[in-house]
Amino acid sequence: MRRAVLTARLGLAVVALALLGAAAPKKGEPPLTAQTKLSGGVLDPEQAKLRFDRADLQFELRPDSYQLFGIATLTFTAKAPLDRLVIDLDRNLPVTAIAIDGVALGRRAWSNPQGRLTISLPRPVAAGQRVTARIAYGGTPHVAVNAPWDDGVVWSKTPDGRLWFATTAEGYGCDLFWPCIDHPTGEPGSVDLHITIPRGLKAPSNGVLLGVDQLPDGRTRWNWRARHPNTYAIALNVGPYEEISGTYRSRYGNTIPMFYWYLPGERVQAEALFAEFAPTLDFFESTIGPYPFGDEKVGVVETPHKGMEHQTINAYGNAYAKAPEGFDWLFHHEFSHEWFGNQLTAANWDDYWLHEGFGTYMQPLYGRWREGEVRYAVMLASEREKIANKVPMVRGRQLSEDDVYETANGGPGNDIYYKGSWTLHTLRWLIGDRAFFDATRLLVYGRLDPRPGNFQPRYGSTVDFEAAVRRVTGRDYRWLFDVYLRQAALPELVEARTADRLTLRWKTPSDLPFPMPVEVRVGERTVRLPMAGGTGAVAVPDGAHVVVDPWSRLLRRSVAMEQYQAWQARR
């Protein structure tokens, strides 16, 4: 009965607001509070008491009034005694009713002035006990200014004028459209989604499709189930989609369903993109390990924004662009996050480079897998131009997403992509392919022998990756991580030449140790200087031509690159 009361209250709110009518909200409206814009950082002490077991999320999209309504049923286990729940939810989606363990609360039992919903529990909850909150809410969700770089919803139209809707939440967080713990460690164990949409549209989302309900008024309700979803990777996508599907026979013996949802009229382009799915899967499975969500699906959906790594439903908005490397970089990059972001999730945004550095490095590696070393080198050279070296990639404290991604907030910005990728390039050369990919598997799966069914999504950190490298090599490479990740400036290789000798010396920020070996080509001969103590020397015969680091193995300072970047900035 109490469930019926909650549903009735939500229905009345929907009808009342729809009757008022609504103009299309502008980009950036309604405005967000600072609290809602904050994703990650120091975990709220009350939220730290919770283990998020399950979420059942009912969504009702009302495009005529540009509104979204929902009922979220959230189940937690208390890790410490509780007398209240603290949950993140944008105040632009006002709460209309709450029940705790089936008991409806009075209106004074909750408040949400700034986007952090605080619920007084009707009884204390002891450590180890479960508590379930059922929250009815809804209103006008925040419209993204420039998705996916700025988060929110996107109300768009297809070329023939039909609704095309999407959500993005990586920067500002899941609380933009459902009540959650807006922190990387706030992943629920499982999520069920029930998405009610207008007639004639489809709603591809996370996980496995449980079924589509036909409602009496002609609308449909799409029911999905996902396990261990990354909070910002839960997504709503609505449009008049057509679908391509197939299966992939994995090298690990399992069969993986594959789906691509695209707009009508794009069948030829859609088939060409879908043809990339299987070889891309094979690359990742042969290079990194099993696809983490093979029991659910590989899913991609065309979106009215550029793209995002929504778990098992990657957003794609690259307009089927062609590139010299012969594959769609955006599809490949977002798909890489199924391993680096969704299977492995950084518990602190300070380690964001683990998502984006690995995700970016996978494109040159795929180019190498397809075409060899020249393609790999060309793609890495393009990345090298984008490294800024203004802020350390890892700062050793709890940070929010904006603290890292936004340079205006003092973050490293795009360096987590390109400098992260080049750090991995140098590390792979230094320790060798076997050790590099073994360490990567330890980071991603927590084991060297991953197979479908013997691993779960996990959290990781830079320190964890350092430990994995140390385990597989038997050597401590902290000096590399300290210089590349924890300093802004790159190490500089200082050369001194005499008539018959070349001396090299590493110059690092704060004079940190950096015994990085260096290859030198002298005439037709290549030597590898161990650079113990950060210095090394090689004999140079009279008239011999010398090239330092002839295959660009090393991420290091380049005056020419700095001059080029300054020239580009002036143009």
Protein backbone atom coordinates (compact mmCIF):
# COMPACT_ATOMS: atom_id res chain seq x y z
CA MET A 1 0.00 0.00 0.00
CA ARG A 2 2.78 2.46 0.88
CA ARG A 3 4.37 1.77 -2.52
CA ALA A 4 1.07 2.81 -4.13
CA VAL A 5 1.01 6.02 -2.09
CA LEU A 6 4.51 6.96 -3.22
CA THR A 7 3.67 6.23 -6.86
CA ALA A 8 0.45 8.22 -6.62
CA ARG A 9 2.28 11.23 -5.18
CA LEU A 10 4.81 11.10 -7.99
CA GLY A 11 2.04 10.81 -10.60
CA LEU A 12 0.21 13.85 -9.21
CA ALA A 13 3.42 15.88 -9.28
CA VAL A 14 4.05 14.91 -12.90
CA VAL A 15 0.52 15.86 -13.98
CA ALA A 16 0.58 19.17 -12.10
CA LEU A 17 3.91 20.26 -13.53
CA ALA A 18 2.98 19.17 -17.05
CA LEU A 19 -0.21 21.24 -16.91
CA LEU A 20 1.84 24.32 -16.07
CA GLY A 21 3.71 23.98 -19.36
CA ALA A 22 7.39 24.64 -19.76
CA ALA A 23 9.65 26.37 -22.20
CA ALA A 24 12.80 24.58 -23.29
CA PRO A 25 15.49 25.27 -20.69
CA LYS A 26 18.59 26.97 -22.00
CA LYS A 27 22.01 25.39 -21.83
CA GLY A 28 23.35 25.64 -18.29
CA GLU A 29 19.86 25.87 -16.79
CA PRO A 30 18.59 25.32 -14.23
CA PRO A 31 21.81 26.33 -12.44
CA LEU A 32 23.66 23.92 -10.20
CA THR A 33 24.90 24.45 -6.67
CA ALA A 34 28.58 24.11 -5.86
CA GLN A 35 27.71 20.92 -3.99
CA THR A 36 26.14 19.30 -7.05
CA LYS A 37 29.06 20.32 -9.24
CA LEU A 38 31.41 18.60 -6.80
CA SER A 39 32.07 14.96 -7.65
CA GLY A 40 34.50 12.99 -5.53
CA GLY A 41 36.97 14.60 -3.15
CA VAL A 42 36.87 13.76 0.53
CA LEU A 43 34.09 11.25 1.16
CA ASP A 44 31.40 12.51 3.54
CA PRO A 45 31.79 10.71 6.92
CA GLU A 46 28.13 9.66 6.91
CA GLN A 47 28.45 8.23 3.41
CA ALA A 48 31.59 6.37 4.47
CA LYS A 49 29.38 4.35 6.81
CA LEU A 50 27.46 2.85 3.88
CA ARG A 51 28.00 -0.10 1.60
CA PHE A 52 25.81 0.47 -1.46
CA ASP A 53 24.27 -2.93 -2.23
CA ARG A 54 21.63 -2.25 -4.84
CA ALA A 55 19.73 0.47 -6.67
CA ASP A 56 16.40 0.11 -8.45
CA LEU A 57 15.91 3.23 -10.58
CA GLN A 58 12.60 4.11 -12.23
CA PHE A 59 12.82 6.98 -14.71
CA GLU A 60 10.01 8.72 -16.55
CA LEU A 61 11.03 11.07 -19.33
CA ARG A 62 8.54 13.87 -20.07
CA PRO A 63 9.92 15.63 -23.16
CA ASP A 64 6.85 17.86 -23.63
CA SER A 65 7.77 19.63 -20.39
CA TYR A 66 11.53 18.92 -20.51
CA GLN A 67 11.30 17.06 -17.24
CA LEU A 68 12.56 13.87 -15.66
CA PHE A 69 10.88 12.05 -12.80
CA GLY A 70 12.05 9.07 -10.87
CA ILE A 71 11.61 6.66 -8.02
CA ALA A 72 14.89 5.34 -6.63
CA THR A 73 14.94 2.39 -4.27
CA LEU A 74 18.37 2.24 -2.66
CA THR A 75 19.57 -0.57 -0.40
CA PHE A 76 22.57 -0.08 1.88
CA THR A 77 24.36 -2.09 4.53
CA ALA A 78 25.57 -0.07 7.50
CA LYS A 79 29.30 -0.38 8.18
CA ALA A 80 28.82 1.68 11.34
CA PRO A 81 25.74 2.73 13.34
CA LEU A 82 23.42 5.08 11.44
CA ASP A 83 20.77 7.57 12.45
CA ARG A 84 20.54 9.31 9.09
CA LEU A 85 21.27 8.81 5.41
CA VAL A 86 23.23 11.35 3.39
CA ILE A 87 22.65 11.01 -0.35
CA ASP A 88 23.59 13.28 -3.25
CA LEU A 89 20.80 14.62 -5.49
CA ASP A 90 20.51 17.83 -7.50
CA ARG A 91 17.95 20.09 -5.81
CA ASN A 92 16.52 20.88 -9.27
CA LEU A 93 14.84 17.47 -8.92
CA PRO A 94 12.80 18.05 -5.74
CA VAL A 95 11.94 15.09 -3.54
CA THR A 96 8.20 14.49 -3.14
CA ALA A 97 8.17 11.40 -0.92
CA ILE A 98 10.52 9.09 0.97
CA ALA A 99 9.94 5.74 2.64
CA ILE A 100 12.47 3.89 4.80
CA ASP A 101 12.06 0.10 4.90
CA GLY A 102 8.49 0.56 3.66
CA VAL A 103 7.51 3.24 6.18
CA ALA A 104 6.60 6.62 4.67
CA LEU A 105 8.33 9.59 6.29
CA GLY A 106 6.84 12.94 7.13
CA ARG A 107 8.01 15.91 5.09
CA ARG A 108 10.17 17.23 7.94
CA ALA A 109 12.27 14.06 7.95
CA TRP A 110 14.45 15.20 5.04
CA SER A 111 16.08 18.31 3.64
CA ASN A 112 18.07 19.07 0.52
CA PRO A 113 19.03 22.76 0.46
CA GLN A 114 22.22 22.48 -1.61
CA GLY A 115 22.11 19.06 -3.27
CA ARG A 116 23.07 16.80 -0.38
CA LEU A 117 19.86 15.06 0.66
CA THR A 118 19.83 14.31 4.39
CA ILE A 119 17.23 11.84 5.68
CA SER A 120 16.54 11.32 9.39
CA LEU A 121 15.92 7.62 9.93
CA PRO A 122 12.83 6.55 11.88
CA ARG A 123 14.99 4.17 13.93
CA PRO A 124 18.74 3.68 14.40
CA VAL A 125 20.43 1.15 12.14
CA ALA A 126 23.14 -0.99 13.70
CA ALA A 127 26.37 -1.94 11.96
CA GLY A 128 25.76 -4.90 9.67
CA GLN A 129 22.05 -4.17 9.23
CA ARG A 130 20.44 -3.21 5.95
CA VAL A 131 18.32 -0.16 5.26
CA THR A 132 16.28 0.61 2.15
CA ALA A 133 15.26 4.10 1.09
CA ARG A 134 12.60 4.69 -1.55
CA ILE A 135 12.82 8.23 -2.91
CA ALA A 136 10.35 9.85 -5.31
CA TYR A 137 11.67 12.95 -7.03
CA GLY A 138 11.57 14.89 -10.27
CA GLY A 139 11.69 18.19 -12.08
CA THR A 140 13.75 19.94 -14.72
CA PRO A 141 17.23 18.41 -14.99
CA HIS A 142 20.26 20.60 -15.66
CA VAL A 143 20.99 21.04 -19.38
CA ALA A 144 24.63 20.56 -20.33
CA VAL A 145 26.37 23.58 -21.83
CA ASN A 146 28.73 21.51 -23.96
CA ALA A 147 28.35 17.80 -23.31
CA PRO A 148 30.28 15.71 -22.51
CA TRP A 149 32.86 18.26 -21.31
CA ASP A 150 30.11 19.95 -19.33
CA ASP A 151 27.60 17.56 -17.78
CA GLY A 152 23.85 17.33 -17.69
CA VAL A 153 21.12 16.27 -20.09
CA VAL A 154 20.97 16.92 -23.81
CA TRP A 155 17.57 17.61 -25.37
CA SER A 156 18.07 17.29 -29.10
CA LYS A 157 16.23 16.37 -32.29
CA THR A 158 17.05 13.89 -35.01
CA PRO A 159 17.24 15.19 -38.61
CA ASP A 160 13.57 14.28 -39.07
CA GLY A 161 12.53 16.13 -35.89
CA ARG A 162 12.13 13.32 -33.36
CA LEU A 163 13.39 13.32 -29.77
CA TRP A 164 17.06 12.53 -29.24
CA PHE A 165 18.01 12.63 -25.56
CA ALA A 166 21.10 11.70 -23.57
CA THR A 167 22.76 12.18 -20.19
CA THR A 168 26.41 12.69 -19.22
CA ALA A 169 27.71 12.80 -15.66
CA GLU A 170 31.46 12.16 -15.43
CA GLY A 171 32.38 15.66 -14.24
CA TYR A 172 29.48 16.71 -11.99
CA GLY A 173 28.42 13.18 -11.08
CA CYS A 174 25.50 10.80 -10.88
CA ASP A 175 23.43 13.12 -8.66
CA LEU A 176 22.45 15.10 -11.76
CA PHE A 177 19.63 12.65 -12.39
CA TRP A 178 19.45 10.01 -9.65
CA PRO A 179 20.07 9.91 -5.87
CA CYS A 180 23.49 8.37 -5.31
CA ILE A 181 26.78 8.53 -3.46
CA ASP A 182 28.63 10.85 -5.81
CA HIS A 183 32.08 9.48 -5.21
CA PRO A 184 34.21 6.98 -7.16
CA THR A 185 33.82 4.49 -4.30
CA GLY A 186 30.02 4.84 -4.34
CA GLU A 187 29.39 2.06 -6.89
CA PRO A 188 26.29 -0.01 -6.12
CA GLY A 189 26.63 -3.78 -6.33
CA SER A 190 23.87 -3.91 -8.93
CA VAL A 191 21.43 -1.56 -10.60
CA ASP A 192 18.06 -2.15 -12.22
CA LEU A 193 16.83 0.58 -14.54
CA HIS A 194 13.22 1.04 -15.70
CA ILE A 195 13.02 3.81 -18.28
CA THR A 196 9.58 4.99 -19.41
CA ILE A 197 9.62 6.87 -22.70
CA PRO A 198 7.21 8.15 -25.38
CA ARG A 199 5.77 5.94 -28.08
CA GLY A 200 8.02 5.03 -31.01
CA LEU A 201 11.35 5.54 -29.24
CA LYS A 202 13.95 3.23 -27.71
CA ALA A 203 16.00 3.52 -24.51
CA PRO A 204 19.27 1.54 -24.71
CA SER A 205 21.06 1.58 -21.36
CA ASN A 206 23.48 -0.30 -19.11
CA GLY A 207 23.73 -4.04 -18.72
CA VAL A 208 21.28 -6.70 -19.89
CA LEU A 209 17.85 -5.96 -21.31
CA LEU A 210 15.29 -7.74 -19.14
CA GLY A 211 12.35 -6.77 -21.33
CA VAL A 212 10.25 -3.94 -22.75
CA ASP A 213 6.80 -3.29 -21.28
CA GLN A 214 4.04 -1.87 -23.46
CA LEU A 215 2.03 0.60 -21.36
CA PRO A 216 -1.70 1.27 -21.90
CA ASP A 217 -1.06 4.84 -23.08
CA GLY A 218 1.30 3.70 -25.85
CA ARG A 219 4.53 4.48 -24.01
CA THR A 220 7.13 1.80 -23.33
CA ARG A 221 9.21 0.93 -20.29
CA TRP A 222 12.70 -0.42 -20.92
CA ASN A 223 14.07 -2.63 -18.12
CA TRP A 224 17.82 -3.16 -17.72
CA ARG A 225 20.09 -4.77 -15.13
CA ALA A 226 23.80 -4.01 -14.63
CA ARG A 227 26.31 -5.26 -12.07
CA HIS A 228 28.86 -3.07 -10.32
CA PRO A 229 28.30 -0.04 -12.54
CA ASN A 230 30.61 2.91 -12.26
CA THR A 231 28.33 5.66 -10.89
CA TYR A 232 29.02 8.20 -13.64
CA ALA A 233 28.75 5.42 -16.25
CA ILE A 234 25.00 4.94 -15.74
CA ALA A 235 23.28 6.59 -18.69
CA LEU A 236 19.91 7.34 -20.24
CA ASN A 237 19.70 7.43 -24.03
CA VAL A 238 16.41 7.91 -25.88
CA GLY A 239 15.77 8.16 -29.59
CA PRO A 240 14.18 6.49 -32.63
CA TYR A 241 17.08 4.09 -32.83
CA GLU A 242 17.69 1.30 -35.26
CA GLU A 243 19.87 -1.59 -34.14
CA ILE A 244 22.66 -3.79 -35.42
CA SER A 245 23.55 -6.83 -33.35
CA GLY A 246 25.88 -9.79 -33.49
CA THR A 247 28.00 -12.07 -31.33
CA TYR A 248 31.72 -12.36 -30.72
CA ARG A 249 33.38 -15.67 -29.96
CA SER A 250 36.02 -14.73 -27.41
CA ARG A 251 39.49 -16.26 -27.33
CA TYR A 252 38.53 -17.16 -23.72
CA GLY A 253 35.72 -19.42 -24.92
CA ASN A 254 32.70 -17.29 -24.01
CA THR A 255 30.30 -15.68 -26.47
CA ILE A 256 29.70 -11.93 -26.10
CA PRO A 257 26.61 -10.17 -27.52
CA MET A 258 27.31 -6.91 -29.38
CA PHE A 259 24.86 -4.10 -30.14
CA TYR A 260 24.97 -0.74 -31.88
CA TRP A 261 22.01 1.64 -31.73
CA TYR A 262 22.09 4.36 -34.40
CA LEU A 263 19.85 6.94 -36.01
CA PRO A 264 17.69 6.05 -39.01
CA GLY A 265 19.22 6.68 -42.41
CA GLU A 266 22.79 5.77 -41.40
CA ARG A 267 22.82 2.05 -42.07
CA VAL A 268 25.94 2.03 -44.26
CA GLN A 269 28.03 4.09 -41.80
CA ALA A 270 26.63 2.12 -38.87
CA GLU A 271 27.61 -1.21 -40.40
CA ALA A 272 31.13 0.08 -41.03
CA LEU A 273 31.50 1.11 -37.39
CA PHE A 274 29.98 -2.14 -36.15
CA ALA A 275 32.56 -4.01 -38.23
CA GLU A 276 35.22 -2.52 -35.93
CA PHE A 277 33.73 -4.09 -32.80
CA ALA A 278 35.09 -7.65 -33.16
CA PRO A 279 38.71 -6.80 -34.08
CA THR A 280 38.81 -4.17 -31.34
CA LEU A 281 37.59 -6.74 -28.83
CA ASP A 282 40.22 -9.18 -30.02
CA PHE A 283 42.95 -6.56 -29.59
CA PHE A 284 41.95 -5.83 -26.01
CA GLU A 285 41.45 -9.46 -25.07
CA SER A 286 44.78 -10.50 -26.56
CA THR A 287 46.67 -7.51 -25.14
CA ILE A 288 45.04 -6.80 -21.75
CA GLY A 289 42.64 -9.62 -20.90
CA PRO A 290 38.99 -10.73 -20.99
CA TYR A 291 36.27 -8.22 -21.75
CA PRO A 292 35.00 -7.46 -18.24
CA PHE A 293 31.27 -7.48 -19.03
CA GLY A 294 30.97 -10.39 -21.43
CA ASP A 295 27.97 -11.75 -19.52
CA GLU A 296 26.13 -8.50 -20.27
CA LYS A 297 27.05 -6.99 -23.65
CA VAL A 298 29.23 -4.77 -25.74
CA GLY A 299 26.93 -1.81 -26.33
CA VAL A 300 27.38 1.43 -28.23
CA VAL A 301 24.74 4.09 -28.84
CA GLU A 302 24.84 7.13 -31.09
CA THR A 303 24.43 10.28 -29.02
CA PRO A 304 23.90 14.03 -29.55
CA HIS A 305 27.25 14.65 -27.85
CA LYS A 306 30.81 13.54 -28.62
CA GLY A 307 31.08 10.43 -26.46
CA MET A 308 31.53 8.90 -23.00
CA GLU A 309 32.51 5.58 -21.41
CA HIS A 310 29.08 4.60 -20.11
CA GLN A 311 29.43 1.02 -18.92
CA THR A 312 28.28 -1.49 -21.61
CA ILE A 313 26.56 1.38 -23.44
CA ASN A 314 29.39 3.60 -24.68
CA ALA A 315 28.22 6.92 -26.09
CA TYR A 316 29.36 7.61 -29.66
CA GLY A 317 29.05 10.97 -31.41
CA ASN A 318 32.05 11.11 -33.74
CA ALA A 319 29.94 11.40 -36.92
CA TYR A 320 31.73 8.37 -38.43
CA ALA A 321 34.86 10.44 -38.98
CA LYS A 322 37.69 8.88 -40.94
CA ALA A 323 41.34 8.97 -39.87
CA PRO A 324 44.72 7.97 -41.34
CA GLU A 325 45.07 5.16 -38.79
CA GLY A 326 42.07 3.43 -40.34
CA PHE A 327 39.89 3.08 -37.25
CA ASP A 328 37.53 5.29 -35.27
CA TRP A 329 39.64 6.68 -32.43
CA LEU A 330 36.64 7.83 -30.41
CA PHE A 331 34.93 4.45 -30.45
CA HIS A 332 38.23 2.82 -29.54
CA HIS A 333 39.03 5.27 -26.74
CA GLU A 334 35.62 5.04 -25.07
CA PHE A 335 35.66 1.26 -25.40
CA SER A 336 39.07 1.14 -23.71
CA HIS A 337 37.39 2.50 -20.59
CA GLU A 338 35.51 -0.76 -20.13
CA TRP A 339 38.90 -1.96 -18.84
CA PHE A 340 40.32 1.36 -17.60
CA GLY A 341 37.50 3.14 -15.79
CA ASN A 342 34.72 0.56 -15.47
CA GLN A 343 36.54 -2.68 -14.61
CA LEU A 344 39.35 -0.75 -12.93
CA THR A 345 38.07 2.40 -11.24
CA ALA A 346 40.32 4.95 -9.56
CA ALA A 347 39.11 5.26 -5.96
CA ASN A 348 40.36 8.85 -5.91
CA TRP A 349 40.18 11.26 -8.86
CA ASP A 350 43.83 12.06 -8.11
CA ASP A 351 44.55 8.80 -9.95
CA TYR A 352 42.36 9.81 -12.93
CA TRP A 353 45.33 9.30 -15.24
CA LEU A 354 44.86 5.54 -14.81
CA HIS A 355 41.60 5.88 -16.74
CA GLU A 356 42.69 8.35 -19.36
CA GLY A 357 46.41 7.64 -19.70
CA PHE A 358 45.84 3.93 -20.30
CA GLY A 359 42.73 4.70 -22.37
CA THR A 360 44.75 7.03 -24.61
CA TYR A 361 47.77 4.74 -24.88
CA MET A 362 45.55 1.98 -26.24
CA GLN A 363 45.07 3.84 -29.56
CA PRO A 364 48.79 3.85 -30.55
CA LEU A 365 49.06 0.27 -29.31
CA TYR A 366 46.11 -0.67 -31.53
CA GLY A 367 47.75 1.13 -34.44
CA ARG A 368 50.87 -0.95 -33.79
CA TRP A 369 48.78 -4.15 -33.54
CA ARG A 370 47.19 -3.37 -36.90
CA GLU A 371 50.04 -1.83 -38.92
CA GLY A 372 53.30 -1.99 -37.00
CA GLU A 373 55.85 0.33 -35.48
CA VAL A 374 55.56 3.25 -37.90
CA ARG A 375 51.86 3.77 -37.19
CA TYR A 376 52.59 3.50 -33.45
CA ALA A 377 55.30 6.15 -33.70
CA VAL A 378 53.16 8.52 -35.77
CA MET A 379 50.26 8.34 -33.32
CA LEU A 380 52.52 8.84 -30.30
CA ALA A 381 54.16 11.84 -31.98
CA SER A 382 50.74 13.44 -32.37
CA GLU A 383 50.08 12.93 -28.64
CA ARG A 384 53.45 14.38 -27.66
CA GLU A 385 52.51 17.80 -29.03
CA LYS A 386 49.63 18.07 -26.57
CA ILE A 387 51.56 17.61 -23.31
CA ALA A 388 51.56 20.83 -21.26
CA ASN A 389 53.58 19.94 -18.10
CA LYS A 390 51.98 22.68 -15.97
CA VAL A 391 50.72 20.64 -13.01
CA PRO A 392 51.69 17.20 -11.60
CA MET A 393 49.33 14.43 -12.70
CA VAL A 394 49.26 12.93 -9.19
CA ARG A 395 49.27 15.19 -6.12
CA GLY A 396 48.80 12.73 -3.27
CA ARG A 397 45.54 13.93 -1.78
CA GLN A 398 41.80 13.42 -2.19
CA LEU A 399 40.61 15.41 -5.20
CA SER A 400 37.36 16.01 -7.03
CA GLU A 401 36.96 15.37 -10.74
CA ASP A 402 37.08 19.11 -11.48
CA ASP A 403 40.26 19.46 -9.38
CA VAL A 404 41.96 17.21 -11.92
CA TYR A 405 40.22 17.75 -15.24
CA GLU A 406 39.83 21.52 -15.17
CA THR A 407 43.02 23.53 -15.66
CA ALA A 408 41.13 26.60 -14.44
CA ASN A 409 40.87 24.83 -11.07
CA GLY A 410 44.58 24.07 -11.03
CA GLY A 411 44.33 20.60 -12.53
CA PRO A 412 46.63 18.86 -15.03
CA GLY A 413 43.81 18.74 -17.59
CA ASN A 414 44.68 16.91 -20.80
CA ASP A 415 48.03 15.76 -19.43
CA ILE A 416 46.19 12.87 -17.79
CA TYR A 417 45.56 11.67 -21.35
CA TYR A 418 48.72 12.44 -23.30
CA LYS A 419 51.41 12.64 -20.63
CA GLY A 420 49.86 9.55 -19.08
CA SER A 421 50.08 7.75 -22.41
CA TRP A 422 53.72 8.74 -22.92
CA THR A 423 54.59 7.68 -19.37
CA LEU A 424 53.27 4.23 -20.22
CA HIS A 425 55.16 4.24 -23.53
CA THR A 426 58.45 4.86 -21.74
CA LEU A 427 57.67 2.38 -18.98
CA ARG A 428 56.85 -0.37 -21.49
CA TRP A 429 60.21 0.11 -23.19
CA LEU A 430 62.04 0.20 -19.86
CA ILE A 431 60.64 -3.00 -18.34
CA GLY A 432 59.67 -4.90 -21.51
CA ASP A 433 56.34 -6.06 -22.92
CA ARG A 434 55.86 -9.09 -20.70
CA ALA A 435 56.39 -7.22 -17.44
CA PHE A 436 54.39 -4.20 -18.63
CA PHE A 437 51.30 -6.17 -19.60
CA ASP A 438 51.55 -8.43 -16.55
CA ALA A 439 51.59 -5.34 -14.33
CA THR A 440 48.65 -3.93 -16.26
CA ARG A 441 46.68 -7.14 -15.75
CA LEU A 442 47.40 -7.06 -12.03
CA LEU A 443 46.12 -3.50 -11.90
CA VAL A 444 42.98 -4.19 -13.94
CA TYR A 445 41.99 -7.65 -12.68
CA GLY A 446 43.98 -8.12 -9.49
CA ARG A 447 45.52 -11.27 -10.89
CA LEU A 448 47.82 -12.50 -13.66
CA ASP A 449 45.46 -15.17 -14.97
CA PRO A 450 42.11 -13.45 -15.57
CA ARG A 451 39.37 -15.51 -17.15
CA PRO A 452 35.63 -14.89 -17.40
CA GLY A 453 34.16 -15.54 -13.98
CA ASN A 454 37.31 -15.28 -11.84
CA PHE A 455 37.40 -11.50 -11.30
CA GLN A 456 35.14 -8.60 -10.33
CA PRO A 457 35.30 -4.84 -10.98
CA ARG A 458 37.82 -3.32 -8.60
CA TYR A 459 39.33 -0.08 -7.37
CA GLY A 460 42.94 0.85 -7.97
CA SER A 461 45.49 3.61 -7.54
CA THR A 462 48.85 4.81 -8.77
CA VAL A 463 50.44 3.18 -5.75
CA ASP A 464 48.77 -0.11 -6.72
CA PHE A 465 50.25 0.14 -10.21
CA GLU A 466 53.69 0.87 -8.79
CA ALA A 467 53.35 -2.22 -6.60
CA ALA A 468 52.31 -4.32 -9.60
CA VAL A 469 55.36 -3.16 -11.55
CA ARG A 470 57.58 -3.93 -8.55
CA ARG A 471 56.03 -7.39 -8.20
CA VAL A 472 56.54 -8.47 -11.81
CA THR A 473 60.01 -6.95 -12.24
CA GLY A 474 61.47 -7.47 -8.78
CA ARG A 475 62.70 -3.85 -8.92
CA ASP A 476 61.50 -0.58 -7.45
CA TYR A 477 60.65 2.00 -10.11
CA ARG A 478 59.23 4.64 -7.81
CA TRP A 479 61.81 7.08 -9.20
CA LEU A 480 60.05 6.93 -12.58
CA PHE A 481 56.58 7.53 -11.11
CA ASP A 482 57.89 10.29 -8.85
CA VAL A 483 59.34 12.26 -11.75
CA TYR A 484 56.72 11.65 -14.44
CA LEU A 485 53.57 11.72 -12.29
CA ARG A 486 54.35 13.70 -9.15
CA GLN A 487 56.28 16.53 -10.80
CA ALA A 488 55.05 18.96 -13.42
CA ALA A 489 58.23 19.55 -15.40
CA LEU A 490 59.74 16.80 -17.51
CA PRO A 491 63.26 15.48 -16.92
CA GLU A 492 65.84 17.07 -19.20
CA LEU A 493 68.68 15.14 -20.82
CA VAL A 494 71.73 17.43 -20.80
CA GLU A 495 74.39 16.64 -23.41
CA ALA A 496 78.08 17.53 -23.29
CA ARG A 497 80.26 16.70 -26.31
CA THR A 498 84.01 16.59 -26.66
CA ALA A 499 86.02 15.49 -29.64
CA ASP A 500 85.74 11.80 -28.82
CA ARG A 501 83.13 11.49 -26.09
CA LEU A 502 79.44 12.23 -25.41
CA THR A 503 78.40 12.66 -21.78
CA LEU A 504 74.73 12.63 -20.76
CA ARG A 505 73.17 13.78 -17.50
CA TRP A 506 69.57 13.74 -16.34
CA LYS A 507 68.36 17.03 -14.87
CA THR A 508 65.16 16.60 -12.86
CA PRO A 509 62.83 18.78 -10.79
CA SER A 510 64.14 19.04 -7.23
CA ASP A 511 67.15 16.94 -8.31
CA LEU A 512 65.15 13.76 -7.90
CA PRO A 513 66.97 10.54 -8.79
CA PHE A 514 66.25 9.36 -12.31
CA PRO A 515 68.44 6.48 -13.52
CA MET A 516 66.59 6.15 -16.82
CA PRO A 517 68.66 4.28 -19.42
CA VAL A 518 69.28 6.06 -22.73
CA GLU A 519 69.91 4.61 -26.16
CA VAL A 520 72.47 6.39 -28.31
CA ARG A 521 73.19 5.65 -31.95
CA VAL A 522 76.82 6.27 -32.86
CA GLY A 523 77.29 5.82 -36.55
CA GLU A 524 75.72 2.43 -37.35
CA ARG A 525 75.97 1.17 -33.77
CA THR A 526 73.39 1.62 -31.00
CA VAL A 527 74.41 1.46 -27.35
CA ARG A 528 72.24 1.54 -24.24
CA LEU A 529 73.69 3.61 -21.43
CA PRO A 530 72.46 2.42 -18.00
CA MET A 531 72.72 5.98 -16.57
CA ALA A 532 73.39 4.77 -13.04
CA GLY A 533 73.34 7.83 -10.83
CA GLY A 534 71.67 9.75 -13.67
CA THR A 535 74.80 10.06 -15.82
CA GLY A 536 76.49 8.14 -18.62
CA ALA A 537 79.00 8.52 -21.40
CA VAL A 538 79.86 6.91 -24.72
CA ALA A 539 82.92 7.10 -26.93
CA VAL A 540 82.34 8.85 -30.26
CA PRO A 541 84.81 8.17 -33.09
CA ASP A 542 85.93 11.12 -35.10
CA GLY A 543 83.29 12.13 -37.64
CA ALA A 544 80.63 9.73 -36.36
CA HIS A 545 77.02 10.91 -36.47
CA VAL A 546 75.25 10.71 -33.11
CA VAL A 547 71.52 10.48 -32.37
CA VAL A 548 70.33 10.38 -28.76
CA ASP A 549 67.20 8.32 -28.15
CA PRO A 550 66.85 7.46 -31.86
CA TRP A 551 63.48 5.70 -31.49
CA SER A 552 61.93 8.29 -29.14
CA ARG A 553 61.59 5.87 -26.25
CA LEU A 554 61.84 8.57 -23.60
CA LEU A 555 59.42 11.15 -22.30
CA ARG A 556 61.73 14.10 -21.72
CA ARG A 557 61.93 17.81 -22.13
CA SER A 558 62.10 19.09 -25.71
CA VAL A 559 62.96 22.73 -26.29
CA ALA A 560 61.78 22.40 -29.88
CA MET A 561 58.39 21.16 -28.68
CA GLU A 562 58.09 24.05 -26.22
CA GLN A 563 58.89 26.53 -28.98
CA TYR A 564 56.35 24.88 -31.26
CA GLN A 565 53.65 24.99 -28.57
CA ALA A 566 54.38 28.67 -27.89
CA TRP A 567 54.16 29.43 -31.60
CA GLN A 568 50.86 27.57 -31.84
CA ALA A 569 49.49 29.53 -28.87
CA ARG A 570 50.31 32.84 -30.61
CA ARG A 571 48.55 31.96 -33.86
